[in-house]
Protein backbone atom coordinates (compact mmCIF):
# COMPACT_ATOMS: atom_id res chain seq x y z
CA MET A 1 66.88 143.16 -90.72
CA LYS A 2 65.95 143.02 -87.22
CA THR A 3 63.63 145.19 -86.05
CA PRO A 4 59.71 146.51 -88.23
CA LYS A 5 61.26 148.46 -90.24
CA ILE A 6 61.68 144.87 -92.06
CA ASN A 7 57.78 145.87 -93.17
CA SER A 8 58.58 148.75 -94.84
CA LEU A 9 61.15 147.00 -96.89
CA TYR A 10 58.69 144.31 -97.80
CA LYS A 11 56.12 147.00 -99.14
CA LEU A 12 59.17 148.20 -101.32
CA ILE A 13 59.51 144.72 -102.43
CA ASP A 14 55.83 144.33 -103.19
CA TRP A 15 56.27 146.98 -105.50
CA LEU A 16 59.05 146.45 -107.63
CA ASN A 17 57.53 142.84 -107.70
CA THR A 18 54.53 143.96 -109.36
CA LYS A 19 56.22 145.94 -111.99
CA ASN A 20 56.89 142.51 -113.83
CA SER A 21 53.35 143.54 -115.91
CA ASN A 22 54.98 146.68 -116.91
CA PRO A 23 57.86 147.04 -118.87
CA PRO A 24 60.67 145.76 -117.26
CA ILE A 25 63.35 148.07 -115.14
CA ARG A 26 66.53 149.63 -116.67
CA THR A 27 69.37 148.79 -114.60
CA LEU A 28 73.17 149.50 -115.37
CA GLY A 29 73.15 146.73 -117.85
CA PRO A 30 70.53 145.45 -120.26
CA LEU A 31 67.04 145.45 -119.42
CA ARG A 32 65.28 142.77 -117.05
CA TRP A 33 62.23 141.75 -114.87
CA VAL A 34 62.74 142.11 -111.09
CA ASN A 35 61.04 139.75 -109.09
CA LEU A 36 62.89 139.82 -105.23
CA ASN A 37 62.19 137.21 -102.22
CA LYS A 38 61.13 138.68 -98.99
CA LEU A 39 63.57 137.48 -96.47
CA PRO A 40 62.36 136.46 -92.37
CA LEU A 41 63.08 138.61 -89.69
CA ASN A 42 66.47 138.08 -88.61
CA ILE A 43 66.56 136.33 -85.09
CA ASP A 44 70.38 135.70 -85.03
CA TYR A 45 72.33 135.69 -81.72
CA LEU A 46 73.43 139.41 -80.64
CA GLY A 47 76.26 138.50 -79.90
CA ASN A 48 77.86 137.61 -83.57
CA SER A 49 77.34 140.66 -85.29
CA ALA A 50 77.89 144.49 -85.31
CA TRP A 51 73.90 145.11 -85.80
CA LEU A 52 73.94 146.19 -81.76
CA SER A 53 76.87 148.41 -82.17
CA GLY A 54 75.32 150.15 -85.02
CA MET A 55 71.84 150.70 -82.63
CA ILE A 56 74.09 151.48 -79.71
CA GLU A 57 76.10 153.99 -81.95
CA SER A 58 72.48 155.86 -82.82
CA ASP A 59 70.01 155.64 -80.07
CA GLY A 60 72.22 154.43 -77.09
CA HIS A 61 73.40 156.48 -73.81
CA PHE A 62 75.95 155.85 -71.52
CA SER A 63 76.16 157.82 -68.38
CA VAL A 64 77.43 157.99 -65.06
CA ARG A 65 75.30 158.95 -61.68
CA THR A 66 77.04 160.87 -58.35
CA THR A 67 75.47 160.78 -55.14
CA LYS A 68 76.46 162.72 -52.07
CA THR A 69 77.15 161.06 -48.94
CA PRO A 70 74.15 162.30 -46.96
CA TRP A 71 75.74 161.25 -43.75
CA PRO A 72 78.59 162.79 -41.83
CA GLY A 73 82.39 161.04 -41.83
CA PRO A 74 85.47 161.61 -44.21
CA LEU A 75 83.74 161.40 -47.49
CA ALA A 76 80.65 162.99 -46.99
CA GLY A 77 79.76 165.70 -49.69
CA ASN A 78 82.40 163.97 -51.77
CA TYR A 79 80.19 161.58 -54.09
CA PRO A 80 81.24 158.45 -53.15
CA LYS A 81 77.99 157.18 -54.65
CA ILE A 82 78.55 155.84 -58.24
CA GLU A 83 76.76 154.35 -60.88
CA CYS A 84 77.82 153.70 -64.41
CA LYS A 85 74.65 153.12 -66.77
CA PHE A 86 73.62 152.16 -69.88
CA GLU A 87 70.19 152.89 -71.51
CA LEU A 88 68.18 152.28 -74.77
CA SER A 89 64.98 153.83 -75.16
CA GLN A 90 62.62 153.43 -78.26
CA ARG A 91 59.22 154.46 -79.07
CA GLN A 92 56.68 151.31 -78.36
CA LYS A 93 55.44 151.41 -81.81
CA ASP A 94 56.92 152.78 -85.05
CA HIS A 95 55.18 155.01 -87.58
CA LEU A 96 53.84 152.63 -89.24
CA GLY A 97 51.99 150.93 -86.14
CA TYR A 98 54.43 147.95 -85.36
CA SER A 99 55.38 146.79 -82.19
CA ASN A 100 59.29 147.51 -81.49
CA GLU A 101 58.74 144.65 -78.55
CA LEU A 102 60.46 141.91 -80.13
CA PHE A 103 63.90 143.31 -80.94
CA LEU A 104 64.00 145.38 -77.63
CA ALA A 105 63.27 142.18 -75.82
CA ASN A 106 66.51 140.41 -77.68
CA ILE A 107 68.71 143.38 -76.66
CA ALA A 108 67.60 142.82 -72.98
CA LYS A 109 67.94 139.13 -73.36
CA PHE A 110 70.99 139.56 -74.37
CA LEU A 111 72.76 141.85 -72.00
CA LYS A 112 70.61 140.03 -69.03
CA VAL A 113 68.46 142.78 -67.93
CA SER A 114 65.04 143.73 -68.17
CA PHE A 115 63.05 146.62 -70.12
CA LYS A 116 59.87 148.41 -68.95
CA ASN A 117 57.48 150.77 -70.27
CA THR A 118 58.07 154.46 -70.03
CA ARG A 119 56.42 157.61 -70.88
CA GLU A 120 52.81 155.99 -70.85
CA ASN A 121 50.93 159.14 -70.44
CA THR A 122 52.48 160.63 -73.55
CA PRO A 123 51.31 160.41 -76.88
CA HIS A 124 54.25 158.34 -77.85
CA PRO A 125 55.35 155.73 -75.05
CA GLN A 126 58.67 154.25 -74.90
CA TYR A 127 60.58 150.94 -73.95
CA ARG A 128 63.48 150.71 -71.87
CA LEU A 129 66.24 149.06 -70.89
CA ARG A 130 69.12 149.63 -68.42
CA THR A 131 72.18 147.83 -67.47
CA MET A 132 73.45 148.99 -63.98
CA SER A 133 75.33 146.09 -62.14
CA LEU A 134 79.09 145.43 -63.09
CA GLU A 135 77.98 141.92 -64.55
CA THR A 136 75.60 143.42 -66.90
CA ASN A 137 78.05 146.58 -67.83
CA LEU A 138 81.10 144.14 -68.38
CA ILE A 139 78.58 142.03 -70.89
CA LEU A 140 78.60 145.23 -72.78
CA VAL A 141 82.28 145.78 -72.45
CA ASN A 142 83.03 142.61 -73.91
CA TYR A 143 80.88 142.97 -77.08
CA LEU A 144 81.84 146.65 -77.75
CA ASN A 145 85.69 145.47 -77.49
CA GLU A 146 84.41 142.59 -80.57
CA TYR A 147 82.30 145.05 -82.15
CA PRO A 148 83.52 148.67 -81.33
CA LEU A 149 81.50 152.18 -81.82
CA PHE A 150 83.29 154.50 -84.51
CA GLY A 151 81.23 157.51 -84.04
CA SER A 152 81.64 160.54 -81.35
CA LYS A 153 79.72 158.28 -79.21
CA PHE A 154 82.71 155.61 -78.58
CA LEU A 155 84.21 158.82 -76.68
CA ASP A 156 81.70 158.95 -74.08
CA TYR A 157 81.79 155.25 -73.88
CA ASN A 158 85.72 155.23 -73.54
CA ASN A 159 84.90 157.50 -70.63
CA TRP A 160 82.41 155.52 -68.97
CA LYS A 161 84.11 152.48 -69.35
CA GLU A 162 87.34 154.03 -67.89
CA ILE A 163 85.54 154.62 -64.69
CA LEU A 164 83.92 151.55 -64.91
CA ASN A 165 87.15 150.12 -64.50
CA LEU A 166 87.64 151.53 -61.26
CA PHE A 167 85.01 149.21 -59.77
CA ASN A 168 86.78 146.08 -61.18
CA PRO A 169 88.07 144.08 -59.00
CA LYS A 170 86.79 146.79 -56.56
CA PHE A 171 86.55 150.24 -56.19
CA ARG A 172 87.94 152.56 -53.50
CA TYR A 173 86.84 155.38 -52.83
CA SER A 174 90.11 157.93 -52.47
CA LYS A 175 89.95 161.29 -53.47
CA GLU A 176 91.95 160.47 -56.17
CA ASN A 177 89.94 157.75 -57.87
CA ILE A 178 86.50 160.24 -56.60
CA ASP A 179 88.08 163.56 -58.69
CA LYS A 180 89.12 161.07 -61.39
CA VAL A 181 85.81 159.89 -61.97
CA LEU A 182 84.27 163.39 -61.49
CA ASN A 183 86.59 164.52 -64.08
CA LEU A 184 86.04 162.13 -66.74
CA LYS A 185 81.86 162.75 -66.25
CA LYS A 186 81.89 166.22 -66.79
CA GLU A 187 83.67 164.92 -70.08
CA MET A 188 81.09 163.13 -71.44
CA ASN A 189 77.70 163.56 -73.54
CA ASP A 190 75.99 167.07 -73.63
CA ASN A 191 79.54 168.39 -71.94
CA ARG A 192 81.84 167.01 -74.31
CA THR A 193 83.41 170.28 -75.91
CA ILE A 194 86.73 168.21 -77.54
CA PHE A 195 86.56 165.36 -79.97
CA THR A 196 89.16 163.16 -81.14
CA TRP A 197 89.38 160.46 -83.97
CA ASN A 198 92.32 158.27 -83.52
CA HIS A 199 89.98 155.90 -82.88
CA LEU A 200 89.62 155.59 -86.15
CA ASN A 201 92.56 154.11 -86.95
CA ASN A 202 91.10 150.98 -85.76
CA PHE A 203 88.26 150.66 -88.52
CA TYR A 204 87.32 147.62 -89.46
CA ASN A 205 89.58 146.03 -92.04
CA LEU A 206 87.92 144.35 -94.79
CA ASP A 207 89.01 141.74 -97.29
CA TYR A 208 87.17 142.88 -100.72
């Protein structure tokens, strides 16, 4: 485990191990004693597992910001300023009071971004990290190419990535490209009405 949830696991292990002084726990096989060891917090490099992909699937958010040009000209009103962002927010402390700062700092380091405090004046302040530059967004793309999303969030990510690709190597502010960005954005997140699951055909092949 990489999060403070490991403390709840430790409590469960303690509870199970105390049963050693009582009659043994029955499993599907013969009766046996339980004596579980606690493993330390996992701090392995994030790029070597699908753990971050699961976190993104649960709490990540892909968005595209479009801003109208305030000055007159041929592009005025055509939303030429476009930003692709990924955001991950978590409350600063979990329900047991343990800080979430460490694992979010590790994610921020992996993505080469900073994270900051938000909602400080609310009962549940949060930490938030964002990718906004092409460099940091491409780090995320390279990771998700290796460890893809498989839920409905993959569809939002796919639209987001398609828009991002327009910036690589250089975005052309043509009406065709701008219209494409706006149409892709309209299909994302809460605006999505069509869900396809073809990407599940590429689900991980596991060797048993």
